[in-house]
Amino acid sequence: MADDKNSDLAQVLGRIPSGVFILTCGDDNGNTTGMLASWVQQAAFEPPMISVVVKEGRYVNDWLGQTGRAVVNVVSESQKQLLGHFGRGFEPDQPAFEGLEITTGETGLPILTDGLGYLEGEVVESLAAGDHRVYLLKVIAAGSGPRLADESPMIHIRKNGFNY
């Protein structure tokens, strides 16, 4: 019975759709990185806020705690190459944006210029959530990219709700 229940739970959790985003952040020394993020959601209208979830144990958590700033880049369906680029992960000292067109905004963090758009935010709260950490970011700046009018955001549906 427990196996059936866990199987149902894994299957149903996996069918909760999420987007595919590139989260960019930096540390106090000016280093920057990017990572795939799928657990991003609008959290408030006024002021505009989003939630971003990062697995515990990732150095990105330390960086978000240091600087309190991040950018969420919205990825389009046609940008599957970004999955390979950011999906492998980067060490803290590795350049994460080689070969990609970027700019910077109000936070000074990398923004992918070819995406659907981006949201720059400041962390206003964080919360431990099991094996992940939830960040609440107040959106301080946003911009649209060249694909916004013509393409749809990338959506991720998992087969199993217990892993990515």
N, C-alpha and C. Protein backbone atom coordinates (compact mmCIF):
# COMPACT_ATOMS: atom_id res chain seq x y z
N MET A 1 0.82 -1.19 0.00
CA MET A 1 0.00 0.00 0.00
C MET A 1 0.87 1.26 0.00
N ALA A 2 1.91 1.28 0.84
CA ALA A 2 2.78 2.45 0.91
C ALA A 2 3.46 2.69 -0.44
N ASP A 3 3.87 1.61 -1.12
CA ASP A 3 4.51 1.77 -2.42
C ASP A 3 3.54 2.37 -3.43
N ASP A 4 2.27 1.93 -3.41
CA ASP A 4 1.28 2.49 -4.32
C ASP A 4 1.06 3.96 -4.03
N LYS A 5 0.99 4.30 -2.75
CA LYS A 5 0.77 5.68 -2.36
C LYS A 5 1.94 6.56 -2.80
N ASN A 6 3.17 6.09 -2.57
CA ASN A 6 4.34 6.85 -3.01
C ASN A 6 4.39 6.97 -4.52
N SER A 7 4.01 5.89 -5.21
CA SER A 7 3.99 5.92 -6.66
C SER A 7 2.99 6.97 -7.16
N ASP A 8 1.80 7.00 -6.58
CA ASP A 8 0.80 8.01 -6.94
C ASP A 8 1.32 9.41 -6.64
N LEU A 9 1.92 9.58 -5.49
CA LEU A 9 2.45 10.88 -5.11
C LEU A 9 3.52 11.34 -6.09
N ALA A 10 4.45 10.46 -6.45
CA ALA A 10 5.51 10.81 -7.39
C ALA A 10 4.93 11.20 -8.74
N GLN A 11 3.95 10.44 -9.21
CA GLN A 11 3.37 10.71 -10.52
C GLN A 11 2.58 12.01 -10.54
N VAL A 12 1.79 12.25 -9.51
CA VAL A 12 0.97 13.47 -9.47
C VAL A 12 1.84 14.70 -9.27
N LEU A 13 2.80 14.63 -8.35
CA LEU A 13 3.70 15.77 -8.17
C LEU A 13 4.45 16.10 -9.46
N GLY A 14 4.85 15.07 -10.18
CA GLY A 14 5.58 15.27 -11.41
C GLY A 14 4.77 15.96 -12.50
N ARG A 15 3.46 15.87 -12.42
CA ARG A 15 2.60 16.47 -13.44
C ARG A 15 2.26 17.94 -13.15
N ILE A 16 2.77 18.47 -12.06
CA ILE A 16 2.58 19.90 -11.80
C ILE A 16 3.54 20.64 -12.74
N PRO A 17 3.00 21.40 -13.68
CA PRO A 17 3.88 22.05 -14.66
C PRO A 17 4.71 23.17 -14.03
N SER A 18 5.89 23.33 -14.56
CA SER A 18 6.74 24.44 -14.15
C SER A 18 7.42 24.99 -15.39
N GLY A 19 7.92 26.18 -15.27
CA GLY A 19 8.65 26.77 -16.38
C GLY A 19 10.10 26.35 -16.34
N VAL A 20 10.85 26.84 -17.31
CA VAL A 20 12.30 26.66 -17.33
C VAL A 20 12.90 28.07 -17.38
N PHE A 21 13.74 28.34 -16.43
CA PHE A 21 14.32 29.66 -16.27
C PHE A 21 15.83 29.53 -16.07
N ILE A 22 16.54 30.61 -16.33
CA ILE A 22 17.95 30.69 -15.98
C ILE A 22 18.05 31.73 -14.87
N LEU A 23 18.46 31.27 -13.69
CA LEU A 23 18.66 32.15 -12.55
C LEU A 23 20.11 32.62 -12.57
N THR A 24 20.33 33.92 -12.53
CA THR A 24 21.69 34.44 -12.47
C THR A 24 21.88 35.16 -11.15
N CYS A 25 23.05 35.01 -10.59
CA CYS A 25 23.36 35.66 -9.32
C CYS A 25 24.86 35.84 -9.22
N GLY A 26 25.28 36.53 -8.19
CA GLY A 26 26.70 36.79 -8.01
C GLY A 26 27.07 36.79 -6.54
N ASP A 27 28.38 36.85 -6.30
CA ASP A 27 28.86 36.89 -4.92
C ASP A 27 29.40 38.29 -4.60
N ASP A 28 29.92 38.47 -3.42
CA ASP A 28 30.45 39.76 -2.98
C ASP A 28 31.74 40.15 -3.70
N ASN A 29 32.38 39.21 -4.40
CA ASN A 29 33.64 39.48 -5.08
C ASN A 29 33.48 39.79 -6.57
N GLY A 30 32.24 39.87 -7.02
CA GLY A 30 32.00 40.18 -8.43
C GLY A 30 31.91 38.97 -9.34
N ASN A 31 32.00 37.75 -8.78
CA ASN A 31 31.82 36.54 -9.58
C ASN A 31 30.34 36.36 -9.88
N THR A 32 30.03 35.83 -11.05
CA THR A 32 28.63 35.58 -11.40
C THR A 32 28.47 34.16 -11.91
N THR A 33 27.25 33.66 -11.84
CA THR A 33 26.95 32.34 -12.37
C THR A 33 25.51 32.29 -12.82
N GLY A 34 25.16 31.21 -13.48
CA GLY A 34 23.80 30.96 -13.91
C GLY A 34 23.46 29.51 -13.71
N MET A 35 22.20 29.24 -13.45
CA MET A 35 21.76 27.86 -13.24
C MET A 35 20.34 27.71 -13.76
N LEU A 36 20.01 26.47 -14.13
CA LEU A 36 18.63 26.16 -14.48
C LEU A 36 17.77 26.23 -13.24
N ALA A 37 16.61 26.80 -13.37
CA ALA A 37 15.64 26.84 -12.27
C ALA A 37 14.27 26.54 -12.85
N SER A 38 13.55 25.67 -12.20
CA SER A 38 12.20 25.38 -12.69
C SER A 38 11.13 25.77 -11.68
N TRP A 39 11.50 25.95 -10.44
CA TRP A 39 10.51 26.31 -9.42
C TRP A 39 10.54 27.81 -9.19
N VAL A 40 9.94 28.54 -10.15
CA VAL A 40 9.82 29.99 -10.10
C VAL A 40 8.34 30.30 -10.29
N GLN A 41 7.83 31.23 -9.49
CA GLN A 41 6.40 31.53 -9.57
C GLN A 41 6.15 32.96 -9.13
N GLN A 42 5.20 33.63 -9.77
CA GLN A 42 4.79 34.94 -9.28
C GLN A 42 4.17 34.73 -7.90
N ALA A 43 4.49 35.63 -6.97
CA ALA A 43 4.03 35.46 -5.59
C ALA A 43 3.17 36.62 -5.09
N ALA A 44 3.23 37.79 -5.75
CA ALA A 44 2.43 38.95 -5.31
C ALA A 44 2.28 39.93 -6.46
N PHE A 45 1.18 40.69 -6.40
CA PHE A 45 0.94 41.74 -7.38
C PHE A 45 1.59 43.07 -6.96
N GLU A 46 1.35 43.47 -5.70
CA GLU A 46 1.80 44.78 -5.25
C GLU A 46 2.46 44.68 -3.89
N PRO A 47 3.74 44.85 -3.78
CA PRO A 47 4.63 45.05 -4.92
C PRO A 47 4.83 43.74 -5.66
N PRO A 48 5.24 43.79 -6.92
CA PRO A 48 5.45 42.55 -7.66
C PRO A 48 6.56 41.71 -7.01
N MET A 49 6.24 40.46 -6.75
CA MET A 49 7.21 39.54 -6.14
C MET A 49 7.14 38.20 -6.83
N ILE A 50 8.28 37.49 -6.80
CA ILE A 50 8.35 36.13 -7.32
C ILE A 50 9.01 35.25 -6.28
N SER A 51 8.71 33.97 -6.34
CA SER A 51 9.41 33.00 -5.50
C SER A 51 10.34 32.20 -6.40
N VAL A 52 11.50 31.89 -5.85
CA VAL A 52 12.52 31.11 -6.54
C VAL A 52 13.02 30.06 -5.55
N VAL A 53 13.15 28.82 -6.00
CA VAL A 53 13.54 27.74 -5.11
C VAL A 53 14.86 27.14 -5.59
N VAL A 54 15.81 26.97 -4.64
CA VAL A 54 17.13 26.44 -4.95
C VAL A 54 17.42 25.27 -4.00
N LYS A 55 17.96 24.20 -4.54
CA LYS A 55 18.29 23.03 -3.73
C LYS A 55 19.35 23.38 -2.68
N GLU A 56 19.14 22.92 -1.46
CA GLU A 56 20.12 23.12 -0.38
C GLU A 56 21.45 22.50 -0.79
N GLY A 57 22.54 23.08 -0.31
CA GLY A 57 23.86 22.56 -0.62
C GLY A 57 24.49 23.19 -1.85
N ARG A 58 23.74 23.94 -2.63
CA ARG A 58 24.31 24.62 -3.79
C ARG A 58 24.93 25.94 -3.34
N TYR A 59 26.09 26.25 -3.86
CA TYR A 59 26.77 27.50 -3.47
C TYR A 59 25.94 28.73 -3.81
N VAL A 60 25.01 28.60 -4.75
CA VAL A 60 24.13 29.72 -5.11
C VAL A 60 23.38 30.22 -3.89
N ASN A 61 23.04 29.33 -2.98
CA ASN A 61 22.37 29.76 -1.74
C ASN A 61 23.24 30.73 -0.95
N ASP A 62 24.54 30.44 -0.85
CA ASP A 62 25.45 31.34 -0.15
C ASP A 62 25.50 32.69 -0.85
N TRP A 63 25.57 32.68 -2.18
CA TRP A 63 25.66 33.92 -2.94
C TRP A 63 24.38 34.75 -2.78
N LEU A 64 23.22 34.09 -2.82
CA LEU A 64 21.97 34.83 -2.63
C LEU A 64 21.90 35.43 -1.23
N GLY A 65 22.44 34.71 -0.25
CA GLY A 65 22.49 35.24 1.11
C GLY A 65 23.43 36.42 1.24
N GLN A 66 24.54 36.40 0.50
CA GLN A 66 25.52 37.50 0.55
C GLN A 66 24.99 38.77 -0.10
N THR A 67 24.54 38.65 -1.33
CA THR A 67 24.21 39.85 -2.11
C THR A 67 22.73 40.21 -2.08
N GLY A 68 21.87 39.20 -1.89
CA GLY A 68 20.44 39.46 -1.88
C GLY A 68 19.88 39.90 -3.22
N ARG A 69 20.55 39.54 -4.32
CA ARG A 69 20.10 39.94 -5.65
C ARG A 69 20.10 38.73 -6.60
N ALA A 70 19.18 38.74 -7.55
CA ALA A 70 19.13 37.69 -8.56
C ALA A 70 18.36 38.18 -9.77
N VAL A 71 18.57 37.50 -10.88
CA VAL A 71 17.82 37.75 -12.11
C VAL A 71 17.20 36.43 -12.54
N VAL A 72 15.93 36.48 -12.90
CA VAL A 72 15.26 35.32 -13.49
C VAL A 72 15.07 35.62 -14.97
N ASN A 73 15.74 34.83 -15.80
CA ASN A 73 15.63 34.94 -17.26
C ASN A 73 14.59 33.92 -17.73
N VAL A 74 13.59 34.38 -18.46
CA VAL A 74 12.53 33.51 -18.97
C VAL A 74 12.97 32.95 -20.31
N VAL A 75 12.97 31.63 -20.42
CA VAL A 75 13.47 30.91 -21.59
C VAL A 75 12.32 30.52 -22.51
N SER A 76 12.54 30.62 -23.82
CA SER A 76 11.50 30.23 -24.78
C SER A 76 11.62 28.75 -25.15
N GLU A 77 10.55 28.24 -25.74
CA GLU A 77 10.53 26.83 -26.18
C GLU A 77 11.67 26.50 -27.14
N SER A 78 12.09 27.47 -27.93
CA SER A 78 13.12 27.21 -28.95
C SER A 78 14.54 27.30 -28.41
N GLN A 79 14.71 27.57 -27.15
CA GLN A 79 16.05 27.75 -26.59
C GLN A 79 16.56 26.54 -25.83
N LYS A 80 16.33 25.37 -26.38
CA LYS A 80 16.75 24.13 -25.72
C LYS A 80 18.26 24.04 -25.52
N GLN A 81 19.04 24.76 -26.33
CA GLN A 81 20.48 24.75 -26.17
C GLN A 81 20.88 25.29 -24.79
N LEU A 82 20.06 26.13 -24.21
CA LEU A 82 20.37 26.65 -22.87
C LEU A 82 20.27 25.57 -21.80
N LEU A 83 19.44 24.55 -22.06
CA LEU A 83 19.35 23.42 -21.12
C LEU A 83 20.69 22.72 -21.02
N GLY A 84 21.31 22.47 -22.16
CA GLY A 84 22.62 21.83 -22.16
C GLY A 84 23.70 22.71 -21.56
N HIS A 85 23.65 23.99 -21.89
CA HIS A 85 24.66 24.92 -21.40
C HIS A 85 24.61 25.05 -19.88
N PHE A 86 23.44 25.33 -19.33
CA PHE A 86 23.33 25.56 -17.89
C PHE A 86 23.05 24.28 -17.10
N GLY A 87 22.55 23.24 -17.78
CA GLY A 87 22.21 22.00 -17.10
C GLY A 87 23.40 21.26 -16.53
N ARG A 88 24.56 21.47 -17.08
CA ARG A 88 25.76 20.78 -16.58
C ARG A 88 26.22 21.36 -15.25
N GLY A 89 25.83 22.61 -14.96
CA GLY A 89 26.23 23.26 -13.72
C GLY A 89 27.63 23.84 -13.83
N PHE A 90 27.92 24.79 -12.98
CA PHE A 90 29.20 25.47 -12.98
C PHE A 90 29.75 25.53 -11.57
N GLU A 91 31.06 25.39 -11.46
CA GLU A 91 31.74 25.62 -10.19
C GLU A 91 31.77 27.13 -9.96
N PRO A 92 31.96 27.56 -8.71
CA PRO A 92 31.93 29.00 -8.43
C PRO A 92 32.91 29.84 -9.24
N ASP A 93 34.03 29.26 -9.62
CA ASP A 93 35.04 30.04 -10.35
C ASP A 93 34.97 29.85 -11.87
N GLN A 94 34.01 29.07 -12.36
CA GLN A 94 33.89 28.84 -13.80
C GLN A 94 33.04 29.93 -14.46
N PRO A 95 33.45 30.37 -15.64
CA PRO A 95 32.62 31.35 -16.37
C PRO A 95 31.36 30.66 -16.91
N ALA A 96 30.21 31.18 -16.55
CA ALA A 96 28.94 30.55 -16.93
C ALA A 96 28.34 31.11 -18.20
N PHE A 97 28.85 32.22 -18.69
CA PHE A 97 28.17 32.90 -19.79
C PHE A 97 28.99 32.97 -21.07
N GLU A 98 30.07 32.18 -21.16
CA GLU A 98 30.88 32.18 -22.38
C GLU A 98 30.04 31.73 -23.57
N GLY A 99 30.15 32.49 -24.66
CA GLY A 99 29.43 32.15 -25.88
C GLY A 99 28.00 32.64 -25.91
N LEU A 100 27.55 33.31 -24.86
CA LEU A 100 26.17 33.81 -24.80
C LEU A 100 26.17 35.33 -24.82
N GLU A 101 25.15 35.91 -25.45
CA GLU A 101 25.01 37.36 -25.43
C GLU A 101 24.34 37.76 -24.13
N ILE A 102 25.01 38.64 -23.40
CA ILE A 102 24.45 39.12 -22.13
C ILE A 102 24.58 40.63 -22.04
N THR A 103 23.80 41.17 -21.14
CA THR A 103 23.89 42.56 -20.74
C THR A 103 23.73 42.57 -19.23
N THR A 104 23.76 43.72 -18.63
CA THR A 104 23.49 43.83 -17.19
C THR A 104 22.40 44.87 -16.97
N GLY A 105 21.76 44.75 -15.83
CA GLY A 105 20.69 45.69 -15.51
C GLY A 105 20.97 46.38 -14.19
N GLU A 106 19.91 46.69 -13.47
CA GLU A 106 20.03 47.42 -12.21
C GLU A 106 20.81 46.67 -11.14
N THR A 107 20.73 45.34 -11.15
CA THR A 107 21.44 44.55 -10.15
C THR A 107 22.91 44.37 -10.50
N GLY A 108 23.28 44.67 -11.75
CA GLY A 108 24.65 44.44 -12.21
C GLY A 108 24.90 43.00 -12.59
N LEU A 109 23.88 42.16 -12.56
CA LEU A 109 24.01 40.73 -12.85
C LEU A 109 23.74 40.45 -14.33
N PRO A 110 24.27 39.35 -14.85
CA PRO A 110 24.06 39.01 -16.26
C PRO A 110 22.59 38.77 -16.58
N ILE A 111 22.20 39.31 -17.73
CA ILE A 111 20.86 39.11 -18.29
C ILE A 111 21.06 38.53 -19.68
N LEU A 112 20.36 37.45 -20.00
CA LEU A 112 20.42 36.86 -21.34
C LEU A 112 19.61 37.73 -22.29
N THR A 113 20.25 38.28 -23.29
CA THR A 113 19.58 39.24 -24.17
C THR A 113 18.63 38.59 -25.17
N ASP A 114 18.74 37.28 -25.36
CA ASP A 114 17.96 36.60 -26.40
C ASP A 114 16.73 35.87 -25.86
N GLY A 115 16.40 36.02 -24.60
CA GLY A 115 15.27 35.29 -24.02
C GLY A 115 13.95 36.00 -24.24
N LEU A 116 12.92 35.48 -23.57
CA LEU A 116 11.62 36.13 -23.62
C LEU A 116 11.62 37.40 -22.81
N GLY A 117 12.40 37.40 -21.75
CA GLY A 117 12.48 38.56 -20.89
C GLY A 117 13.17 38.20 -19.60
N TYR A 118 13.21 39.16 -18.69
CA TYR A 118 13.88 38.93 -17.42
C TYR A 118 13.21 39.73 -16.31
N LEU A 119 13.43 39.27 -15.09
CA LEU A 119 12.98 39.95 -13.88
C LEU A 119 14.17 40.05 -12.94
N GLU A 120 14.51 41.26 -12.54
CA GLU A 120 15.59 41.46 -11.58
C GLU A 120 14.94 41.63 -10.21
N GLY A 121 15.54 40.99 -9.20
CA GLY A 121 14.92 41.06 -7.89
C GLY A 121 15.89 41.16 -6.74
N GLU A 122 15.34 41.62 -5.63
CA GLU A 122 16.06 41.66 -4.36
C GLU A 122 15.38 40.70 -3.40
N VAL A 123 16.17 39.89 -2.73
CA VAL A 123 15.64 38.93 -1.77
C VAL A 123 15.07 39.69 -0.57
N VAL A 124 13.81 39.43 -0.26
CA VAL A 124 13.20 40.05 0.92
C VAL A 124 12.99 39.03 2.04
N GLU A 125 13.04 37.74 1.68
CA GLU A 125 12.84 36.69 2.67
C GLU A 125 13.32 35.37 2.10
N SER A 126 13.75 34.47 2.97
CA SER A 126 14.04 33.11 2.53
C SER A 126 13.54 32.15 3.60
N LEU A 127 13.25 30.94 3.17
CA LEU A 127 12.63 29.95 4.04
C LEU A 127 13.16 28.57 3.69
N ALA A 128 13.58 27.82 4.70
CA ALA A 128 13.96 26.42 4.47
C ALA A 128 12.70 25.63 4.13
N ALA A 129 12.81 24.81 3.10
CA ALA A 129 11.69 23.98 2.66
C ALA A 129 12.22 22.58 2.35
N GLY A 130 12.40 21.77 3.40
CA GLY A 130 12.93 20.43 3.20
C GLY A 130 14.32 20.48 2.61
N ASP A 131 14.50 19.86 1.45
CA ASP A 131 15.82 19.82 0.81
C ASP A 131 16.07 21.01 -0.12
N HIS A 132 15.22 22.01 -0.06
CA HIS A 132 15.37 23.22 -0.87
C HIS A 132 15.22 24.46 0.00
N ARG A 133 15.54 25.61 -0.57
CA ARG A 133 15.34 26.90 0.09
C ARG A 133 14.52 27.77 -0.84
N VAL A 134 13.47 28.38 -0.29
CA VAL A 134 12.58 29.26 -1.04
C VAL A 134 13.01 30.71 -0.80
N TYR A 135 13.17 31.45 -1.88
CA TYR A 135 13.50 32.88 -1.80
C TYR A 135 12.32 33.68 -2.33
N LEU A 136 11.96 34.72 -1.62
CA LEU A 136 10.96 35.66 -2.08
C LEU A 136 11.71 36.90 -2.56
N LEU A 137 11.54 37.23 -3.83
CA LEU A 137 12.24 38.36 -4.43
C LEU A 137 11.25 39.45 -4.81
N LYS A 138 11.55 40.66 -4.40
CA LYS A 138 10.79 41.83 -4.85
C LYS A 138 11.37 42.23 -6.20
N VAL A 139 10.52 42.32 -7.21
CA VAL A 139 10.98 42.67 -8.56
C VAL A 139 11.27 44.16 -8.59
N ILE A 140 12.52 44.49 -8.96
CA ILE A 140 12.92 45.90 -9.02
C ILE A 140 13.10 46.39 -10.44
N ALA A 141 13.20 45.48 -11.39
CA ALA A 141 13.34 45.86 -12.80
C ALA A 141 12.95 44.66 -13.66
N ALA A 142 12.55 44.94 -14.87
CA ALA A 142 12.15 43.88 -15.80
C ALA A 142 12.38 44.37 -17.22
N GLY A 143 12.49 43.44 -18.13
CA GLY A 143 12.63 43.79 -19.52
C GLY A 143 12.19 42.65 -20.41
N SER A 144 11.72 43.00 -21.60
CA SER A 144 11.32 41.97 -22.55
C SER A 144 12.42 41.77 -23.57
N GLY A 145 12.47 40.56 -24.09
CA GLY A 145 13.46 40.21 -25.10
C GLY A 145 12.82 40.14 -26.47
N PRO A 146 13.62 39.87 -27.49
CA PRO A 146 13.14 39.87 -28.87
C PRO A 146 12.15 38.74 -29.18
N ARG A 147 12.11 37.71 -28.36
CA ARG A 147 11.24 36.56 -28.63
C ARG A 147 9.87 36.67 -27.97
N LEU A 148 9.67 37.67 -27.13
CA LEU A 148 8.47 37.74 -26.29
C LEU A 148 7.17 37.72 -27.10
N ALA A 149 7.11 38.46 -28.18
CA ALA A 149 5.87 38.56 -28.95
C ALA A 149 5.56 37.31 -29.77
N ASP A 150 6.60 36.53 -30.11
CA ASP A 150 6.41 35.44 -31.07
C ASP A 150 6.55 34.03 -30.52
N GLU A 151 7.10 33.89 -29.31
CA GLU A 151 7.37 32.55 -28.80
C GLU A 151 6.73 32.34 -27.43
N SER A 152 6.58 31.09 -27.09
CA SER A 152 6.01 30.71 -25.79
C SER A 152 7.12 30.31 -24.83
N PRO A 153 6.86 30.45 -23.54
CA PRO A 153 7.87 30.03 -22.57
C PRO A 153 8.01 28.51 -22.55
N MET A 154 9.22 28.06 -22.21
CA MET A 154 9.47 26.64 -22.09
C MET A 154 8.79 26.11 -20.83
N ILE A 155 8.09 25.00 -20.98
CA ILE A 155 7.37 24.37 -19.87
C ILE A 155 7.99 23.01 -19.61
N HIS A 156 8.07 22.64 -18.34
CA HIS A 156 8.67 21.37 -17.93
C HIS A 156 7.63 20.56 -17.17
N ILE A 157 7.38 19.34 -17.64
CA ILE A 157 6.52 18.37 -16.95
C ILE A 157 7.40 17.18 -16.61
N ARG A 158 7.46 16.83 -15.34
CA ARG A 158 8.31 15.72 -14.92
C ARG A 158 7.49 14.43 -14.87
N LYS A 159 8.15 13.29 -15.02
CA LYS A 159 7.49 12.00 -14.89
C LYS A 159 7.43 11.56 -13.43
N ASN A 160 8.36 12.10 -12.65
CA ASN A 160 8.47 11.71 -11.25
C ASN A 160 8.64 12.97 -10.41
N GLY A 161 7.80 13.16 -9.43
CA GLY A 161 7.83 14.34 -8.60
C GLY A 161 8.92 14.33 -7.54
N PHE A 162 9.79 13.33 -7.54
CA PHE A 162 10.85 13.26 -6.55
C PHE A 162 12.22 13.57 -7.11
N ASN A 163 12.28 14.01 -8.37
CA ASN A 163 13.54 14.48 -8.93
C ASN A 163 13.24 15.40 -10.10
N TYR A 164 14.30 16.07 -10.55
CA TYR A 164 14.13 17.03 -11.64
C TYR A 164 13.90 16.30 -12.93
